[in-house]
Amino acid sequence: MDFHFPAAVRRSLVRAAIGMGMLGAACALQAQTAANWPAKPIRVVVGFAPGGSTDVMARILSQALSESLGQPVVIDNKPGASGNIAASEVVRAAPDGHTFLIAPTSVETANPSLFKSSILPSRDLTPVASVGRTQMYLVAKPQMVAKDARDLVALAKARPGTLSYASAGAGTPPHLACELFKQATGTYITHIPYRGAAPALQDVLSGQADFVCDPGIAFPHIRTGKVKLLGIVSAKRSPFFPDVPTVGEQGFPGANLDIWFGMWAPNGTSPDIVARMNREIGKALSQAAVKSRYGDLGAEPIAMDTAEFRKLLVNEGTLLSGLIKEQKIVVD
């Protein structure tokens, strides 16, 4: 039987057939790409300068991944705007599995509430895996009379606005951790932003600022008694200082924020490549040498599958967007 369709219907059918053909070709190409991946060196864009925690963590991981994947994994530092410049670079990259972003999770969970940007990582990038975390440490100047977080809160409430805390910069995770501390304790403490965690810690060491929420770089000074560790700004005690209680254990629940680090890929990257990279990262983080080098940073190599990592991003985004709004946090 011969069917005769109106011209408009015939055109629609032809367009649909072409579309299905293109979709099939794209799927076939994606499958072929995943099967041959990696076919060339992998570029990992890092949103912070060489020598910082994010950069060092990425370099430790890149060495292990190079060995397991059989291709060089090259670090490309693109510092600026708390990781937004690097994220933009990856958003524009070809989704062929040879470009990834490594950054603190704050690039997705805090930056959209702090910066005016054309990109939105939760929309424009694909989460791959967590690559580790550092906890935050309530570290006070050596002259501080307070012995723990309870003493610090009592002192702050007795002298509102006279105490100060240093941070790695407005909107950075150490800044947000200290703001969570203020929120949980109902204290008014003056914020002094610096250009990085190292200069912030230096002014606590010299007594210019009263305390800092430190991401782990103060470990040598804590161990030699040059600064005071008053508590852990985390939900759990630190494996590096297991005898020091968390701020929550000292009576102030909610004062906890870990710095999680993760990897993202450009949207459109093959799910098979994303899954393979997640598995390779998990294997790398289980290596004794990687664990040891992370420990030198005060970091923990905690692996997650992609679904767990996505859930972490959603929960942290809800927490930090609410904090930034309530505390009226802005960046210059």
Protein backbone atom coordinates (compact mmCIF):
# COMPACT_ATOMS: atom_id res chain seq x y z
CA MET A 1 0.00 0.00 0.00
CA ASP A 2 1.38 3.42 -0.94
CA PHE A 3 1.08 6.25 1.59
CA HIS A 4 1.05 9.90 0.52
CA PHE A 5 1.89 12.51 3.18
CA PRO A 6 1.48 16.27 2.91
CA ALA A 7 4.70 18.15 2.11
CA ALA A 8 4.93 19.63 5.63
CA VAL A 9 4.68 16.19 7.19
CA ARG A 10 7.30 14.82 4.80
CA ARG A 11 9.70 17.64 5.77
CA SER A 12 9.14 16.93 9.48
CA LEU A 13 9.85 13.24 8.97
CA VAL A 14 13.02 14.01 7.04
CA ARG A 15 14.24 16.38 9.78
CA ALA A 16 13.47 13.76 12.44
CA ALA A 17 15.38 11.11 10.48
CA ILE A 18 18.37 13.42 10.08
CA GLY A 19 18.25 14.27 13.77
CA MET A 20 18.16 10.61 14.77
CA GLY A 21 21.05 9.93 12.44
CA MET A 22 23.11 12.73 13.94
CA LEU A 23 22.28 11.53 17.47
CA GLY A 24 23.31 8.00 16.55
CA ALA A 25 26.56 9.25 15.04
CA ALA A 26 27.28 11.36 18.14
CA CYS A 27 26.65 8.36 20.41
CA ALA A 28 28.90 6.18 18.27
CA LEU A 29 31.64 8.82 18.32
CA GLN A 30 31.32 9.22 22.09
CA ALA A 31 31.57 5.44 22.58
CA GLN A 32 34.62 5.32 20.31
CA THR A 33 36.21 8.21 22.20
CA ALA A 34 35.62 6.47 25.55
CA ALA A 35 37.10 3.22 24.24
CA ASN A 36 40.28 4.97 23.08
CA TRP A 37 40.61 7.31 26.06
CA PRO A 38 43.02 8.80 26.91
CA ALA A 39 44.48 9.34 23.47
CA LYS A 40 46.78 12.24 24.39
CA PRO A 41 48.04 14.12 27.48
CA ILE A 42 45.35 15.18 29.94
CA ARG A 43 45.23 18.82 31.03
CA VAL A 44 44.10 19.56 34.58
CA VAL A 45 43.27 23.23 35.08
CA VAL A 46 43.86 24.44 38.64
CA GLY A 47 42.27 27.68 39.80
CA PHE A 48 45.03 28.70 42.20
CA ALA A 49 48.72 29.58 42.02
CA PRO A 50 51.51 26.98 42.24
CA GLY A 51 52.45 25.96 45.78
CA GLY A 52 49.03 26.27 47.41
CA SER A 53 47.04 23.36 48.80
CA THR A 54 44.89 22.95 45.68
CA ASP A 55 47.91 22.98 43.38
CA VAL A 56 49.98 20.56 45.47
CA MET A 57 47.06 18.16 45.85
CA ALA A 58 46.48 18.24 42.08
CA ARG A 59 50.16 17.53 41.41
CA ILE A 60 50.22 14.56 43.80
CA LEU A 61 47.15 13.14 42.10
CA SER A 62 48.40 13.89 38.57
CA GLN A 63 51.52 11.83 39.13
CA ALA A 64 49.50 8.79 40.19
CA LEU A 65 47.01 9.24 37.34
CA SER A 66 49.79 9.55 34.76
CA GLU A 67 51.08 6.14 35.81
CA SER A 68 47.68 4.44 35.76
CA LEU A 69 46.35 6.04 32.56
CA GLY A 70 49.53 5.79 30.51
CA GLN A 71 49.44 9.45 29.47
CA PRO A 72 51.00 12.58 31.01
CA VAL A 73 48.63 14.53 33.26
CA VAL A 74 49.71 18.16 33.01
CA ILE A 75 48.79 20.87 35.53
CA ASP A 76 47.76 24.24 34.04
CA ASN A 77 47.45 26.96 36.69
CA LYS A 78 44.82 29.63 35.96
CA PRO A 79 44.51 31.56 39.25
CA GLY A 80 41.98 34.28 39.91
CA ALA A 81 38.43 34.99 41.14
CA SER A 82 38.53 32.10 43.65
CA GLY A 83 38.69 29.51 40.90
CA ASN A 84 36.18 31.10 38.49
CA ILE A 85 38.79 31.81 35.82
CA ALA A 86 39.86 28.17 35.74
CA ALA A 87 36.25 26.99 35.74
CA SER A 88 35.49 29.22 32.73
CA GLU A 89 38.47 27.71 30.92
CA VAL A 90 37.11 24.20 31.41
CA VAL A 91 33.55 25.18 30.47
CA ARG A 92 34.92 26.26 27.06
CA ALA A 93 37.09 23.15 26.58
CA ALA A 94 36.25 20.32 24.18
CA PRO A 95 34.36 17.55 26.05
CA ASP A 96 36.71 14.84 24.83
CA GLY A 97 37.97 13.72 28.24
CA HIS A 98 41.33 15.48 27.98
CA THR A 99 40.55 18.61 30.05
CA PHE A 100 39.43 18.66 33.69
CA LEU A 101 39.18 21.16 36.56
CA ILE A 102 40.50 20.62 40.07
CA ALA A 103 39.31 23.18 42.61
CA PRO A 104 37.81 23.51 46.08
CA THR A 105 34.11 22.68 46.04
CA SER A 106 33.46 26.33 46.93
CA VAL A 107 33.86 27.12 43.21
CA GLU A 108 30.39 25.59 42.83
CA THR A 109 28.89 25.95 46.31
CA ALA A 110 29.93 29.50 47.33
CA ASN A 111 31.17 31.43 44.30
CA PRO A 112 27.76 31.81 42.62
CA SER A 113 26.56 33.68 45.73
CA LEU A 114 29.69 35.84 45.85
CA PHE A 115 30.62 36.71 42.26
CA LYS A 116 28.80 37.99 39.22
CA SER A 117 29.77 35.45 36.57
CA SER A 118 28.41 34.17 33.28
CA ILE A 119 29.12 30.58 34.35
CA LEU A 120 27.31 28.46 36.89
CA PRO A 121 29.36 25.32 37.67
CA SER A 122 26.33 23.34 38.85
CA ARG A 123 24.84 23.92 35.37
CA ASP A 124 27.91 24.23 33.15
CA LEU A 125 30.26 21.52 34.46
CA THR A 126 29.97 17.80 35.20
CA PRO A 127 31.15 16.60 38.65
CA VAL A 128 33.63 13.72 38.42
CA ALA A 129 34.94 12.94 41.91
CA SER A 130 36.11 14.29 45.22
CA VAL A 131 39.90 14.36 45.44
CA GLY A 132 40.27 14.97 49.18
CA ARG A 133 39.59 17.36 52.01
CA THR A 134 41.23 19.42 54.70
CA GLN A 135 39.62 20.30 57.99
CA MET A 136 39.66 23.75 59.52
CA TYR A 137 41.48 24.54 62.76
CA LEU A 138 40.69 27.33 65.23
CA VAL A 139 44.21 28.68 65.74
CA ALA A 140 44.93 31.61 68.08
CA LYS A 141 47.90 33.89 68.62
CA PRO A 142 50.46 32.75 71.20
CA GLN A 143 49.45 35.54 73.64
CA MET A 144 45.78 34.49 73.60
CA VAL A 145 44.49 33.95 77.15
CA ALA A 146 41.72 31.61 75.95
CA LYS A 147 42.57 27.91 76.26
CA ASP A 148 39.76 26.58 74.07
CA ALA A 149 36.78 27.67 71.98
CA ARG A 150 34.58 28.15 75.06
CA ASP A 151 37.06 30.64 76.52
CA LEU A 152 37.32 32.44 73.17
CA VAL A 153 33.55 32.82 72.93
CA ALA A 154 33.34 34.15 76.49
CA LEU A 155 36.08 36.65 75.71
CA ALA A 156 34.38 37.75 72.49
CA LYS A 157 31.05 38.26 74.24
CA ALA A 158 32.67 40.25 77.04
CA ARG A 159 34.36 42.54 74.50
CA PRO A 160 32.15 42.69 71.37
CA GLY A 161 34.01 43.80 68.25
CA THR A 162 37.41 44.07 69.90
CA LEU A 163 38.68 40.64 68.86
CA SER A 164 39.74 40.05 65.26
CA TYR A 165 40.23 37.07 63.02
CA ALA A 166 42.38 36.82 59.91
CA SER A 167 41.32 35.02 56.74
CA ALA A 168 42.76 33.97 53.38
CA GLY A 169 40.49 36.55 51.74
CA ALA A 170 36.84 37.55 51.53
CA GLY A 171 34.68 34.65 50.42
CA THR A 172 37.37 31.98 50.84
CA PRO A 173 36.56 28.80 52.81
CA PRO A 174 38.62 29.95 55.84
CA HIS A 175 36.60 33.18 55.89
CA LEU A 176 33.32 31.26 55.60
CA ALA A 177 34.39 28.87 58.37
CA CYS A 178 35.02 31.75 60.76
CA GLU A 179 31.67 33.28 59.82
CA LEU A 180 30.00 29.95 60.64
CA PHE A 181 31.83 30.10 63.98
CA LYS A 182 30.46 33.60 64.64
CA GLN A 183 26.97 32.51 63.59
CA ALA A 184 27.03 29.40 65.81
CA THR A 185 28.41 31.26 68.82
CA GLY A 186 26.46 34.52 68.50
CA THR A 187 29.62 36.61 68.62
CA TYR A 188 30.69 39.84 66.94
CA ILE A 189 34.33 39.58 65.82
CA THR A 190 36.13 41.80 63.30
CA HIS A 191 37.26 40.23 60.02
CA ILE A 192 40.69 41.08 58.57
CA PRO A 193 41.09 39.66 55.04
CA TYR A 194 44.51 38.83 53.58
CA ARG A 195 45.72 37.63 50.19
CA GLY A 196 46.09 33.98 51.11
CA ALA A 197 46.22 31.64 54.08
CA ALA A 198 49.96 32.10 54.67
CA PRO A 199 49.93 35.88 55.31
CA ALA A 200 46.80 35.47 57.44
CA LEU A 201 48.57 32.92 59.62
CA GLN A 202 51.68 35.10 59.77
CA ASP A 203 49.76 37.94 61.41
CA VAL A 204 48.29 35.52 63.96
CA LEU A 205 51.82 34.29 64.71
CA SER A 206 52.93 37.90 65.24
CA GLY A 207 49.88 38.72 67.36
CA GLN A 208 48.44 41.27 64.90
CA ALA A 209 45.22 39.21 64.62
CA ASP A 210 43.68 37.17 67.42
CA PHE A 211 42.87 33.94 65.56
CA VAL A 212 42.31 32.29 62.21
CA CYS A 213 40.36 29.35 60.81
CA ASP A 214 43.39 27.62 59.38
CA PRO A 215 43.23 24.97 56.60
CA GLY A 216 46.19 22.99 57.94
CA ILE A 217 49.25 25.10 57.16
CA ALA A 218 49.68 25.95 60.85
CA PHE A 219 50.53 22.34 61.83
CA PRO A 220 54.29 22.96 62.40
CA HIS A 221 53.53 26.02 64.56
CA ILE A 222 50.86 24.16 66.55
CA ARG A 223 53.31 21.34 67.29
CA THR A 224 56.04 23.75 68.43
CA GLY A 225 53.67 25.84 70.54
CA LYS A 226 54.01 29.01 68.48
CA VAL A 227 50.21 29.22 68.16
CA LYS A 228 47.34 27.79 70.21
CA LEU A 229 44.90 25.23 68.80
CA LEU A 230 41.55 25.98 70.46
CA GLY A 231 39.31 23.54 68.58
CA ILE A 232 38.49 21.82 65.31
CA VAL A 233 36.02 23.69 63.08
CA SER A 234 34.64 20.43 61.71
CA ALA A 235 31.94 17.85 62.44
CA LYS A 236 34.61 15.31 63.45
CA ARG A 237 37.88 15.43 65.31
CA SER A 238 41.05 15.66 63.27
CA PRO A 239 43.11 12.49 62.74
CA PHE A 240 46.16 14.72 63.16
CA PHE A 241 45.07 16.07 66.59
CA PRO A 242 42.67 13.43 67.92
CA ASP A 243 42.73 14.78 71.49
CA VAL A 244 41.47 18.23 70.52
CA PRO A 245 37.65 18.51 70.64
CA THR A 246 35.60 20.04 67.88
CA VAL A 247 33.92 23.39 68.37
CA GLY A 248 30.61 21.49 68.37
CA GLU A 249 31.79 19.27 71.21
CA GLN A 250 32.61 22.43 73.15
CA GLY A 251 28.98 23.51 73.02
CA PHE A 252 28.59 25.26 69.67
CA PRO A 253 27.01 22.94 67.08
CA GLY A 254 26.97 24.14 63.50
CA ALA A 255 30.46 25.64 63.57
CA ASN A 256 31.96 23.20 61.09
CA LEU A 257 33.17 23.51 57.52
CA ASP A 258 35.66 21.24 55.81
CA ILE A 259 37.42 22.29 52.61
CA TRP A 260 36.56 19.64 50.04
CA PHE A 261 38.42 19.48 46.74
CA GLY A 262 37.00 17.98 43.58
CA MET A 263 37.34 17.36 39.88
CA TRP A 264 34.91 18.50 37.16
CA ALA A 265 34.71 17.86 33.41
CA PRO A 266 33.17 19.91 30.59
CA ASN A 267 29.52 19.11 29.99
CA GLY A 268 29.15 16.56 27.20
CA THR A 269 32.09 14.45 28.35
CA SER A 270 31.30 10.76 27.89
CA PRO A 271 29.75 9.20 31.02
CA ASP A 272 32.12 6.26 30.48
CA ILE A 273 35.12 8.58 30.69
CA VAL A 274 33.72 10.28 33.80
CA ALA A 275 33.15 6.89 35.44
CA ARG A 276 36.64 5.67 34.47
CA MET A 277 38.29 8.82 35.83
CA ASN A 278 36.31 8.45 39.07
CA ARG A 279 37.60 4.89 39.46
CA GLU A 280 41.19 5.90 38.69
CA ILE A 281 41.03 8.71 41.27
CA GLY A 282 39.69 6.24 43.85
CA LYS A 283 42.60 3.89 43.17
CA ALA A 284 45.13 6.73 43.33
CA LEU A 285 43.79 7.99 46.67
CA SER A 286 44.15 4.49 48.15
CA GLN A 287 47.90 4.38 47.47
CA ALA A 288 50.11 4.57 50.56
CA ALA A 289 52.45 7.11 48.92
CA VAL A 290 49.54 9.41 48.05
CA LYS A 291 48.11 9.14 51.58
CA SER A 292 51.50 10.04 53.04
CA ARG A 293 51.96 13.08 50.81
CA TYR A 294 48.42 14.25 51.52
CA GLY A 295 49.17 13.92 55.23
CA ASP A 296 52.11 16.29 54.81
CA LEU A 297 49.53 18.86 53.60
CA GLY A 298 47.22 18.20 56.54
CA ALA A 299 44.80 16.67 54.03
CA GLU A 300 42.88 13.40 53.79
CA PRO A 301 42.54 11.48 50.49
CA ILE A 302 38.81 10.73 50.70
CA ALA A 303 37.28 9.19 47.58
CA MET A 304 33.58 9.32 46.64
CA ASP A 305 31.63 7.96 43.72
CA THR A 306 30.08 10.56 41.44
CA ALA A 307 26.63 10.34 43.07
CA GLU A 308 28.10 10.92 46.55
CA PHE A 309 30.13 13.85 45.26
CA ARG A 310 27.03 15.42 43.70
CA LYS A 311 25.17 15.07 47.02
CA LEU A 312 28.05 16.76 48.87
CA LEU A 313 27.92 19.67 46.42
CA VAL A 314 24.18 20.13 46.87
CA ASN A 315 24.36 20.04 50.69
CA GLU A 316 27.35 22.37 50.89
CA GLY A 317 25.74 24.77 48.41
CA THR A 318 22.61 25.01 50.55
CA LEU A 319 24.69 25.69 53.68
CA LEU A 320 26.99 28.31 52.17
CA SER A 321 24.43 30.22 50.12
CA GLY A 322 22.35 30.59 53.28
CA LEU A 323 25.37 31.70 55.33
CA ILE A 324 26.48 34.26 52.72
CA LYS A 325 22.98 35.73 52.59
CA GLU A 326 22.44 35.82 56.36
CA GLN A 327 25.89 37.21 57.20
CA LYS A 328 25.77 39.65 54.23
CA ILE A 329 29.17 38.46 52.99
CA VAL A 330 30.51 40.32 49.95
CA VAL A 331 33.77 40.29 48.00
CA ASP A 332 35.55 43.35 46.64
